[in-house]
Amino acid sequence: MGRARQGNNTDQAGIQKKSDEKYMRQALRQAKKAYDLEETPIGCVIVHEGKVIGRGYNRRNTDKNPLAHAELTAIRRASRKIGDWRLEECTLYVTLEPCQMCAGAIVQSRVERVVVGCMNPKAGCAGSILNLLDMREFNHQVRLETGVLEEECSMLMKTFFKELRTKQKMRKKSLAE
């Protein structure tokens, strides 16, 4: 009897992992849109009952707006789609660990679960610097899963910043000439 349950839990975990990877790939597609705009490549999707109800990607420079983060765009669109500010029973997939602003918005919107691709040791507020998603002092806590397609998410960020540094060097060089 115990073994059947064990197998069942293992099957469920495998199904959840495949589902998480599927939606993280969609978040990565959003991040690539930001990349194409020369924005920090962060992408986000929000899923409710197996359907994507909100998408977003970083557009801070493009929109000249410090609030134009992938998560905030996705939250706004998801709320509009379901007609409520409460995103209960939703999972948010994001390629990079949320900052303090986005983590706060996730808590405020009552998202049930967050799945993160790669962590952000310099600014992350879902475990790196602190974990705003699981503070008992707040009226809502968010379940967290990290490291889903971590290598792909991390590589996209590393490639972006390497290219950015190269472009900046070339600009400085041409200005000096």
N, C-alpha and C. Protein backbone atom coordinates (compact mmCIF):
# COMPACT_ATOMS: atom_id res chain seq x y z
N MET A 1 0.82 -1.20 0.00
CA MET A 1 0.00 0.00 0.00
C MET A 1 0.86 1.26 0.00
N GLY A 2 1.89 1.31 0.85
CA GLY A 2 2.78 2.46 0.90
C GLY A 2 3.49 2.69 -0.42
N ARG A 3 3.85 1.60 -1.10
CA ARG A 3 4.54 1.74 -2.37
C ARG A 3 3.65 2.35 -3.45
N ALA A 4 2.40 1.99 -3.46
CA ALA A 4 1.48 2.56 -4.45
C ALA A 4 1.39 4.07 -4.27
N ARG A 5 1.30 4.48 -3.02
CA ARG A 5 1.25 5.92 -2.75
C ARG A 5 2.55 6.59 -3.19
N GLN A 6 3.66 5.95 -2.86
CA GLN A 6 4.96 6.50 -3.25
C GLN A 6 5.01 6.69 -4.75
N GLY A 7 4.61 5.68 -5.50
CA GLY A 7 4.60 5.77 -6.96
C GLY A 7 3.69 6.89 -7.43
N ASN A 8 2.54 7.00 -6.81
CA ASN A 8 1.57 8.03 -7.16
C ASN A 8 2.17 9.42 -6.95
N ASN A 9 2.85 9.61 -5.81
CA ASN A 9 3.48 10.89 -5.52
C ASN A 9 4.59 11.19 -6.53
N THR A 10 5.34 10.14 -6.91
CA THR A 10 6.40 10.29 -7.88
C THR A 10 5.81 10.67 -9.24
N ASP A 11 4.71 10.01 -9.62
CA ASP A 11 4.04 10.35 -10.88
C ASP A 11 3.57 11.80 -10.87
N GLN A 12 2.95 12.22 -9.78
CA GLN A 12 2.46 13.59 -9.65
C GLN A 12 3.62 14.59 -9.76
N ALA A 13 4.73 14.27 -9.11
CA ALA A 13 5.90 15.16 -9.15
C ALA A 13 6.42 15.27 -10.58
N GLY A 14 6.44 14.17 -11.31
CA GLY A 14 6.90 14.18 -12.71
C GLY A 14 5.97 14.99 -13.60
N ILE A 15 4.68 14.86 -13.38
CA ILE A 15 3.69 15.64 -14.14
C ILE A 15 3.85 17.12 -13.84
N GLN A 16 4.03 17.46 -12.55
CA GLN A 16 4.20 18.86 -12.16
C GLN A 16 5.46 19.44 -12.78
N LYS A 17 6.55 18.65 -12.78
CA LYS A 17 7.82 19.13 -13.35
C LYS A 17 7.67 19.42 -14.84
N LYS A 18 6.99 18.53 -15.57
CA LYS A 18 6.79 18.75 -17.01
C LYS A 18 5.93 19.99 -17.25
N SER A 19 4.91 20.16 -16.44
CA SER A 19 4.04 21.32 -16.56
C SER A 19 4.83 22.60 -16.27
N ASP A 20 5.62 22.58 -15.20
CA ASP A 20 6.44 23.75 -14.85
C ASP A 20 7.41 24.10 -15.97
N GLU A 21 8.03 23.11 -16.57
CA GLU A 21 8.97 23.36 -17.67
C GLU A 21 8.25 23.93 -18.89
N LYS A 22 7.06 23.40 -19.17
CA LYS A 22 6.27 23.90 -20.30
C LYS A 22 6.00 25.40 -20.15
N TYR A 23 5.54 25.80 -18.98
CA TYR A 23 5.19 27.21 -18.79
C TYR A 23 6.43 28.09 -18.63
N MET A 24 7.51 27.53 -18.09
CA MET A 24 8.74 28.33 -18.01
C MET A 24 9.28 28.59 -19.41
N ARG A 25 9.11 27.66 -20.32
CA ARG A 25 9.52 27.89 -21.72
C ARG A 25 8.73 29.07 -22.31
N GLN A 26 7.47 29.17 -21.93
CA GLN A 26 6.67 30.31 -22.40
C GLN A 26 7.18 31.62 -21.78
N ALA A 27 7.57 31.55 -20.50
CA ALA A 27 8.16 32.74 -19.86
C ALA A 27 9.47 33.11 -20.56
N LEU A 28 10.25 32.12 -20.94
CA LEU A 28 11.50 32.37 -21.67
C LEU A 28 11.22 33.05 -23.03
N ARG A 29 10.14 32.66 -23.68
CA ARG A 29 9.77 33.33 -24.95
C ARG A 29 9.47 34.81 -24.70
N GLN A 30 8.83 35.10 -23.58
CA GLN A 30 8.57 36.49 -23.22
C GLN A 30 9.89 37.21 -22.96
N ALA A 31 10.80 36.55 -22.26
CA ALA A 31 12.10 37.16 -21.95
C ALA A 31 12.86 37.49 -23.23
N LYS A 32 12.72 36.65 -24.24
CA LYS A 32 13.42 36.89 -25.51
C LYS A 32 12.85 38.12 -26.22
N LYS A 33 11.59 38.44 -25.99
CA LYS A 33 11.02 39.68 -26.54
C LYS A 33 11.72 40.88 -25.92
N ALA A 34 11.95 40.81 -24.61
CA ALA A 34 12.68 41.89 -23.93
C ALA A 34 14.10 41.97 -24.48
N TYR A 35 14.74 40.84 -24.64
CA TYR A 35 16.10 40.77 -25.18
C TYR A 35 16.17 41.48 -26.54
N ASP A 36 15.18 41.20 -27.39
CA ASP A 36 15.15 41.81 -28.73
C ASP A 36 15.01 43.33 -28.67
N LEU A 37 14.45 43.85 -27.57
CA LEU A 37 14.33 45.29 -27.37
C LEU A 37 15.54 45.88 -26.65
N GLU A 38 16.53 45.03 -26.41
CA GLU A 38 17.72 45.39 -25.62
C GLU A 38 17.35 45.75 -24.18
N GLU A 39 16.33 45.08 -23.69
CA GLU A 39 15.91 45.18 -22.29
C GLU A 39 16.47 43.97 -21.53
N THR A 40 16.63 44.11 -20.23
CA THR A 40 17.04 42.96 -19.43
C THR A 40 16.02 41.85 -19.68
N PRO A 41 16.48 40.67 -20.11
CA PRO A 41 15.55 39.63 -20.57
C PRO A 41 14.87 38.85 -19.44
N ILE A 42 13.79 39.43 -18.96
CA ILE A 42 12.97 38.79 -17.93
C ILE A 42 11.58 38.61 -18.51
N GLY A 43 11.07 37.40 -18.39
CA GLY A 43 9.74 37.09 -18.90
C GLY A 43 8.90 36.41 -17.85
N CYS A 44 7.58 36.54 -18.01
CA CYS A 44 6.66 36.02 -17.00
C CYS A 44 5.37 35.57 -17.67
N VAL A 45 4.81 34.47 -17.18
CA VAL A 45 3.45 34.07 -17.55
C VAL A 45 2.72 33.66 -16.28
N ILE A 46 1.41 33.88 -16.29
CA ILE A 46 0.56 33.47 -15.17
C ILE A 46 -0.45 32.46 -15.70
N VAL A 47 -0.59 31.35 -14.98
CA VAL A 47 -1.42 30.24 -15.41
C VAL A 47 -2.55 30.01 -14.40
N HIS A 48 -3.75 29.84 -14.93
CA HIS A 48 -4.93 29.52 -14.11
C HIS A 48 -5.68 28.39 -14.81
N GLU A 49 -5.90 27.31 -14.10
CA GLU A 49 -6.62 26.15 -14.63
C GLU A 49 -6.05 25.67 -15.96
N GLY A 50 -4.72 25.63 -16.03
CA GLY A 50 -4.05 25.10 -17.22
C GLY A 50 -3.99 26.04 -18.41
N LYS A 51 -4.39 27.29 -18.22
CA LYS A 51 -4.36 28.26 -19.32
C LYS A 51 -3.55 29.48 -18.92
N VAL A 52 -2.77 30.00 -19.86
CA VAL A 52 -2.03 31.24 -19.62
C VAL A 52 -3.03 32.39 -19.68
N ILE A 53 -3.11 33.15 -18.59
CA ILE A 53 -4.05 34.27 -18.54
C ILE A 53 -3.34 35.62 -18.49
N GLY A 54 -2.03 35.61 -18.37
CA GLY A 54 -1.27 36.86 -18.35
C GLY A 54 0.15 36.61 -18.79
N ARG A 55 0.67 37.54 -19.57
CA ARG A 55 2.05 37.47 -20.05
C ARG A 55 2.69 38.83 -19.86
N GLY A 56 4.01 38.83 -19.70
CA GLY A 56 4.72 40.09 -19.61
C GLY A 56 6.20 39.90 -19.80
N TYR A 57 6.85 40.98 -20.19
CA TYR A 57 8.31 40.99 -20.30
C TYR A 57 8.79 42.38 -19.92
N ASN A 58 10.04 42.43 -19.53
CA ASN A 58 10.63 43.67 -19.06
C ASN A 58 10.62 44.74 -20.16
N ARG A 59 10.16 45.96 -19.81
CA ARG A 59 10.11 47.08 -20.76
C ARG A 59 10.46 48.41 -20.08
N ARG A 60 11.27 48.36 -19.04
CA ARG A 60 11.57 49.58 -18.28
C ARG A 60 12.19 50.67 -19.14
N ASN A 61 13.20 50.34 -19.92
CA ASN A 61 13.86 51.34 -20.76
C ASN A 61 12.97 51.78 -21.92
N THR A 62 12.31 50.82 -22.54
CA THR A 62 11.44 51.12 -23.68
C THR A 62 10.32 52.07 -23.28
N ASP A 63 9.68 51.79 -22.16
CA ASP A 63 8.55 52.60 -21.70
C ASP A 63 8.97 53.78 -20.81
N LYS A 64 10.27 53.84 -20.48
CA LYS A 64 10.76 54.87 -19.54
C LYS A 64 9.94 54.85 -18.25
N ASN A 65 9.78 53.63 -17.73
CA ASN A 65 8.90 53.42 -16.59
C ASN A 65 9.51 52.40 -15.63
N PRO A 66 9.82 52.79 -14.40
CA PRO A 66 10.42 51.84 -13.45
C PRO A 66 9.46 50.73 -13.03
N LEU A 67 8.18 50.88 -13.35
CA LEU A 67 7.19 49.86 -13.00
C LEU A 67 6.96 48.84 -14.11
N ALA A 68 7.62 48.99 -15.22
CA ALA A 68 7.39 48.12 -16.39
C ALA A 68 8.15 46.80 -16.28
N HIS A 69 7.95 46.11 -15.18
CA HIS A 69 8.56 44.79 -14.96
C HIS A 69 7.65 43.71 -15.53
N ALA A 70 8.24 42.60 -15.91
CA ALA A 70 7.51 41.48 -16.49
C ALA A 70 6.36 41.01 -15.60
N GLU A 71 6.65 40.87 -14.30
CA GLU A 71 5.64 40.36 -13.38
C GLU A 71 4.44 41.30 -13.25
N LEU A 72 4.72 42.61 -13.18
CA LEU A 72 3.62 43.57 -13.01
C LEU A 72 2.73 43.60 -14.25
N THR A 73 3.33 43.52 -15.42
CA THR A 73 2.55 43.48 -16.66
C THR A 73 1.68 42.22 -16.69
N ALA A 74 2.27 41.09 -16.35
CA ALA A 74 1.53 39.83 -16.36
C ALA A 74 0.40 39.84 -15.32
N ILE A 75 0.67 40.38 -14.14
CA ILE A 75 -0.37 40.47 -13.10
C ILE A 75 -1.53 41.35 -13.57
N ARG A 76 -1.21 42.49 -14.15
CA ARG A 76 -2.25 43.41 -14.64
C ARG A 76 -3.11 42.72 -15.70
N ARG A 77 -2.48 42.02 -16.63
CA ARG A 77 -3.22 41.34 -17.70
C ARG A 77 -4.04 40.17 -17.18
N ALA A 78 -3.48 39.42 -16.24
CA ALA A 78 -4.20 38.28 -15.67
C ALA A 78 -5.43 38.76 -14.89
N SER A 79 -5.25 39.83 -14.13
CA SER A 79 -6.37 40.38 -13.35
C SER A 79 -7.50 40.85 -14.28
N ARG A 80 -7.10 41.50 -15.36
CA ARG A 80 -8.09 41.95 -16.35
C ARG A 80 -8.82 40.75 -16.95
N LYS A 81 -8.06 39.70 -17.26
CA LYS A 81 -8.62 38.50 -17.92
C LYS A 81 -9.65 37.80 -17.03
N ILE A 82 -9.34 37.66 -15.74
CA ILE A 82 -10.29 36.95 -14.88
C ILE A 82 -11.27 37.88 -14.18
N GLY A 83 -11.08 39.18 -14.33
CA GLY A 83 -12.01 40.16 -13.77
C GLY A 83 -11.93 40.30 -12.26
N ASP A 84 -10.74 40.09 -11.70
CA ASP A 84 -10.55 40.23 -10.25
C ASP A 84 -9.09 40.53 -9.97
N TRP A 85 -8.82 41.28 -8.92
CA TRP A 85 -7.44 41.56 -8.54
C TRP A 85 -6.82 40.38 -7.81
N ARG A 86 -7.66 39.49 -7.30
CA ARG A 86 -7.17 38.30 -6.60
C ARG A 86 -6.83 37.22 -7.61
N LEU A 87 -5.59 36.79 -7.61
CA LEU A 87 -5.15 35.74 -8.53
C LEU A 87 -4.97 34.42 -7.77
N GLU A 88 -5.95 34.13 -6.94
CA GLU A 88 -5.94 32.87 -6.19
C GLU A 88 -6.00 31.72 -7.19
N GLU A 89 -5.40 30.61 -6.82
CA GLU A 89 -5.34 29.42 -7.67
C GLU A 89 -4.55 29.66 -8.95
N CYS A 90 -3.68 30.67 -8.96
CA CYS A 90 -2.82 30.93 -10.11
C CYS A 90 -1.37 30.63 -9.77
N THR A 91 -0.62 30.26 -10.80
CA THR A 91 0.82 30.08 -10.68
C THR A 91 1.50 31.08 -11.59
N LEU A 92 2.49 31.77 -11.05
CA LEU A 92 3.27 32.76 -11.80
C LEU A 92 4.63 32.14 -12.10
N TYR A 93 5.01 32.13 -13.37
CA TYR A 93 6.30 31.62 -13.82
C TYR A 93 7.14 32.81 -14.25
N VAL A 94 8.34 32.92 -13.71
CA VAL A 94 9.20 34.05 -14.05
C VAL A 94 10.64 33.56 -14.21
N THR A 95 11.33 34.10 -15.20
CA THR A 95 12.67 33.61 -15.54
C THR A 95 13.73 34.04 -14.53
N LEU A 96 13.50 35.16 -13.82
CA LEU A 96 14.45 35.64 -12.83
C LEU A 96 13.71 35.93 -11.53
N GLU A 97 14.32 35.60 -10.43
CA GLU A 97 13.75 35.84 -9.10
C GLU A 97 13.21 37.27 -8.98
N PRO A 98 11.99 37.43 -8.50
CA PRO A 98 11.38 38.76 -8.40
C PRO A 98 12.12 39.70 -7.44
N CYS A 99 12.08 41.00 -7.79
CA CYS A 99 12.61 42.05 -6.93
C CYS A 99 11.60 42.32 -5.81
N GLN A 100 11.92 43.26 -4.93
CA GLN A 100 11.03 43.56 -3.81
C GLN A 100 9.68 44.10 -4.27
N MET A 101 9.67 44.91 -5.31
CA MET A 101 8.42 45.47 -5.82
C MET A 101 7.53 44.37 -6.38
N CYS A 102 8.10 43.51 -7.19
CA CYS A 102 7.32 42.45 -7.81
C CYS A 102 6.89 41.39 -6.79
N ALA A 103 7.77 41.06 -5.85
CA ALA A 103 7.40 40.10 -4.80
C ALA A 103 6.23 40.66 -3.99
N GLY A 104 6.26 41.96 -3.69
CA GLY A 104 5.15 42.59 -2.98
C GLY A 104 3.86 42.53 -3.77
N ALA A 105 3.93 42.78 -5.06
CA ALA A 105 2.74 42.72 -5.92
C ALA A 105 2.20 41.29 -6.00
N ILE A 106 3.09 40.32 -6.01
CA ILE A 106 2.68 38.92 -6.05
C ILE A 106 1.90 38.57 -4.78
N VAL A 107 2.42 38.99 -3.63
CA VAL A 107 1.73 38.75 -2.36
C VAL A 107 0.39 39.47 -2.36
N GLN A 108 0.38 40.74 -2.76
CA GLN A 108 -0.85 41.53 -2.76
C GLN A 108 -1.92 40.95 -3.69
N SER A 109 -1.50 40.35 -4.79
CA SER A 109 -2.48 39.80 -5.73
C SER A 109 -2.91 38.38 -5.38
N ARG A 110 -2.38 37.86 -4.29
CA ARG A 110 -2.79 36.54 -3.77
C ARG A 110 -2.45 35.37 -4.68
N VAL A 111 -1.38 35.52 -5.48
CA VAL A 111 -0.92 34.40 -6.31
C VAL A 111 -0.63 33.23 -5.38
N GLU A 112 -1.03 32.03 -5.78
CA GLU A 112 -0.85 30.85 -4.94
C GLU A 112 0.58 30.31 -4.96
N ARG A 113 1.19 30.33 -6.16
CA ARG A 113 2.49 29.67 -6.32
C ARG A 113 3.33 30.45 -7.31
N VAL A 114 4.65 30.53 -7.05
CA VAL A 114 5.60 31.16 -7.95
C VAL A 114 6.67 30.15 -8.32
N VAL A 115 6.98 30.08 -9.60
CA VAL A 115 8.03 29.21 -10.12
C VAL A 115 9.09 30.11 -10.75
N VAL A 116 10.32 30.00 -10.24
CA VAL A 116 11.42 30.87 -10.66
C VAL A 116 12.44 30.06 -11.45
N GLY A 117 12.92 30.66 -12.54
CA GLY A 117 13.97 30.02 -13.32
C GLY A 117 15.31 30.12 -12.62
N CYS A 118 15.87 31.33 -12.53
CA CYS A 118 17.16 31.49 -11.86
C CYS A 118 17.05 32.56 -10.78
N MET A 119 17.90 32.43 -9.80
CA MET A 119 17.88 33.33 -8.66
C MET A 119 18.68 34.59 -8.98
N ASN A 120 18.43 35.64 -8.19
CA ASN A 120 19.08 36.93 -8.38
C ASN A 120 19.74 37.35 -7.07
N PRO A 121 21.00 36.94 -6.85
CA PRO A 121 21.65 37.18 -5.56
C PRO A 121 21.84 38.65 -5.21
N LYS A 122 21.74 39.55 -6.19
CA LYS A 122 21.94 40.98 -5.90
C LYS A 122 20.65 41.73 -5.61
N ALA A 123 19.51 41.19 -6.04
CA ALA A 123 18.26 41.95 -5.86
C ALA A 123 17.03 41.08 -5.63
N GLY A 124 17.22 39.78 -5.51
CA GLY A 124 16.07 38.87 -5.41
C GLY A 124 15.41 38.87 -4.04
N CYS A 125 14.09 38.89 -4.07
CA CYS A 125 13.31 38.91 -2.82
C CYS A 125 12.36 37.72 -2.72
N ALA A 126 12.82 36.58 -3.26
CA ALA A 126 12.11 35.32 -3.10
C ALA A 126 13.09 34.28 -2.56
N GLY A 127 14.03 34.76 -1.73
CA GLY A 127 14.97 33.86 -1.11
C GLY A 127 16.41 34.29 -1.13
N SER A 128 16.84 35.07 -2.12
CA SER A 128 18.25 35.45 -2.19
C SER A 128 18.63 36.46 -1.12
N ILE A 129 18.00 37.62 -1.13
CA ILE A 129 18.28 38.64 -0.12
C ILE A 129 17.34 38.44 1.06
N LEU A 130 16.09 38.29 0.75
CA LEU A 130 15.06 37.94 1.73
C LEU A 130 13.93 37.29 0.96
N ASN A 131 12.97 36.74 1.67
CA ASN A 131 11.86 36.08 0.99
C ASN A 131 10.54 36.75 1.39
N LEU A 132 10.14 37.74 0.62
CA LEU A 132 8.88 38.44 0.88
C LEU A 132 7.68 37.55 0.61
N LEU A 133 7.87 36.47 -0.15
CA LEU A 133 6.75 35.60 -0.49
C LEU A 133 6.31 34.73 0.68
N ASP A 134 7.16 34.59 1.68
CA ASP A 134 6.84 33.68 2.79
C ASP A 134 7.05 34.34 4.14
N MET A 135 6.62 35.57 4.27
CA MET A 135 6.72 36.25 5.56
C MET A 135 5.43 36.03 6.33
N ARG A 136 5.52 35.40 7.47
CA ARG A 136 4.34 35.08 8.29
C ARG A 136 3.62 36.33 8.76
N GLU A 137 4.33 37.45 8.78
CA GLU A 137 3.71 38.71 9.21
C GLU A 137 2.66 39.22 8.21
N PHE A 138 2.75 38.79 6.95
CA PHE A 138 1.77 39.19 5.94
C PHE A 138 0.56 38.28 6.01
N ASN A 139 -0.54 38.75 5.44
CA ASN A 139 -1.77 37.96 5.47
C ASN A 139 -1.82 36.89 4.39
N HIS A 140 -0.79 36.82 3.54
CA HIS A 140 -0.76 35.81 2.47
C HIS A 140 0.68 35.36 2.26
N GLN A 141 0.87 34.07 2.11
CA GLN A 141 2.18 33.51 1.78
C GLN A 141 2.03 32.77 0.45
N VAL A 142 3.13 32.73 -0.28
CA VAL A 142 3.14 32.15 -1.62
C VAL A 142 4.07 30.94 -1.63
N ARG A 143 3.59 29.83 -2.18
CA ARG A 143 4.46 28.66 -2.36
C ARG A 143 5.48 28.98 -3.44
N LEU A 144 6.71 28.50 -3.26
CA LEU A 144 7.81 28.85 -4.15
C LEU A 144 8.52 27.60 -4.64
N GLU A 145 8.80 27.59 -5.93
CA GLU A 145 9.61 26.54 -6.57
C GLU A 145 10.70 27.26 -7.34
N THR A 146 11.94 26.85 -7.16
CA THR A 146 13.05 27.52 -7.85
C THR A 146 13.83 26.53 -8.71
N GLY A 147 14.60 27.08 -9.64
CA GLY A 147 15.52 26.27 -10.43
C GLY A 147 14.90 25.57 -11.62
N VAL A 148 13.70 25.98 -12.05
CA VAL A 148 13.07 25.35 -13.21
C VAL A 148 13.67 25.95 -14.48
N LEU A 149 14.28 25.10 -15.30
CA LEU A 149 15.03 25.53 -16.50
C LEU A 149 16.06 26.59 -16.12
N GLU A 150 16.68 26.37 -14.99
CA GLU A 150 17.64 27.33 -14.45
C GLU A 150 18.77 27.65 -15.43
N GLU A 151 19.32 26.64 -16.05
CA GLU A 151 20.45 26.84 -16.96
C GLU A 151 20.06 27.75 -18.13
N GLU A 152 18.90 27.49 -18.74
CA GLU A 152 18.45 28.30 -19.88
C GLU A 152 18.20 29.74 -19.45
N CYS A 153 17.53 29.91 -18.31
CA CYS A 153 17.22 31.25 -17.82
C CYS A 153 18.50 32.01 -17.48
N SER A 154 19.42 31.36 -16.81
CA SER A 154 20.68 31.97 -16.42
C SER A 154 21.52 32.32 -17.64
N MET A 155 21.56 31.42 -18.60
CA MET A 155 22.37 31.64 -19.81
C MET A 155 21.86 32.86 -20.59
N LEU A 156 20.55 33.01 -20.66
CA LEU A 156 19.98 34.16 -21.37
C LEU A 156 20.44 35.47 -20.71
N MET A 157 20.41 35.50 -19.38
CA MET A 157 20.86 36.70 -18.66
C MET A 157 22.36 36.95 -18.89
N LYS A 158 23.16 35.90 -18.76
CA LYS A 158 24.61 36.05 -18.92
C LYS A 158 24.97 36.53 -20.33
N THR A 159 24.32 35.96 -21.33
CA THR A 159 24.59 36.35 -22.72
C THR A 159 24.21 37.81 -22.93
N PHE A 160 23.06 38.21 -22.41
CA PHE A 160 22.59 39.59 -22.55
C PHE A 160 23.61 40.57 -21.96
N PHE A 161 24.04 40.31 -20.72
CA PHE A 161 24.95 41.25 -20.07
C PHE A 161 26.34 41.24 -20.69
N LYS A 162 26.76 40.10 -21.21
CA LYS A 162 28.04 40.05 -21.91
C LYS A 162 27.98 40.91 -23.18
N GLU A 163 26.89 40.77 -23.93
CA GLU A 163 26.70 41.58 -25.14
C GLU A 163 26.60 43.06 -24.79
N LEU A 164 25.91 43.38 -23.72
CA LEU A 164 25.75 44.77 -23.29
C LEU A 164 27.10 45.39 -22.96
N ARG A 165 27.93 44.66 -22.22
CA ARG A 165 29.27 45.17 -21.88
C ARG A 165 30.11 45.39 -23.14
N THR A 166 30.01 44.48 -24.10
CA THR A 166 30.74 44.62 -25.37
C THR A 166 30.26 45.86 -26.12
N LYS A 167 28.96 46.07 -26.20
CA LYS A 167 28.40 47.25 -26.88
C LYS A 167 28.85 48.53 -26.19
N GLN A 168 28.84 48.53 -24.87
CA GLN A 168 29.26 49.72 -24.12
C GLN A 168 30.73 50.03 -24.37
N LYS A 169 31.56 48.99 -24.42
CA LYS A 169 32.99 49.17 -24.71
C LYS A 169 33.19 49.77 -26.09
N MET A 170 32.43 49.26 -27.05
CA MET A 170 32.55 49.76 -28.42
C MET A 170 32.10 51.22 -28.51
N ARG A 171 31.05 51.58 -27.79
CA ARG A 171 30.58 52.96 -27.79
C ARG A 171 31.64 53.89 -27.20
N LYS A 172 32.23 53.48 -26.09
CA LYS A 172 33.29 54.29 -25.46
C LYS A 172 34.48 54.46 -26.41
N LYS A 173 34.82 53.37 -27.07
CA LYS A 173 35.95 53.41 -28.00
C LYS A 173 35.67 54.37 -29.15
N SER A 174 34.47 54.30 -29.71
CA SER A 174 34.15 55.19 -30.83
C SER A 174 34.05 56.65 -30.39
N LEU A 175 33.63 56.91 -29.17
CA LEU A 175 33.60 58.27 -28.66
C LEU A 175 35.01 58.83 -28.44
N ALA A 176 35.91 57.96 -28.05
CA ALA A 176 37.29 58.37 -27.80
C ALA A 176 38.04 58.70 -29.11
N GLU A 177 37.59 58.12 -30.21
CA GLU A 177 38.28 58.31 -31.50
C GLU A 177 37.96 59.60 -32.14
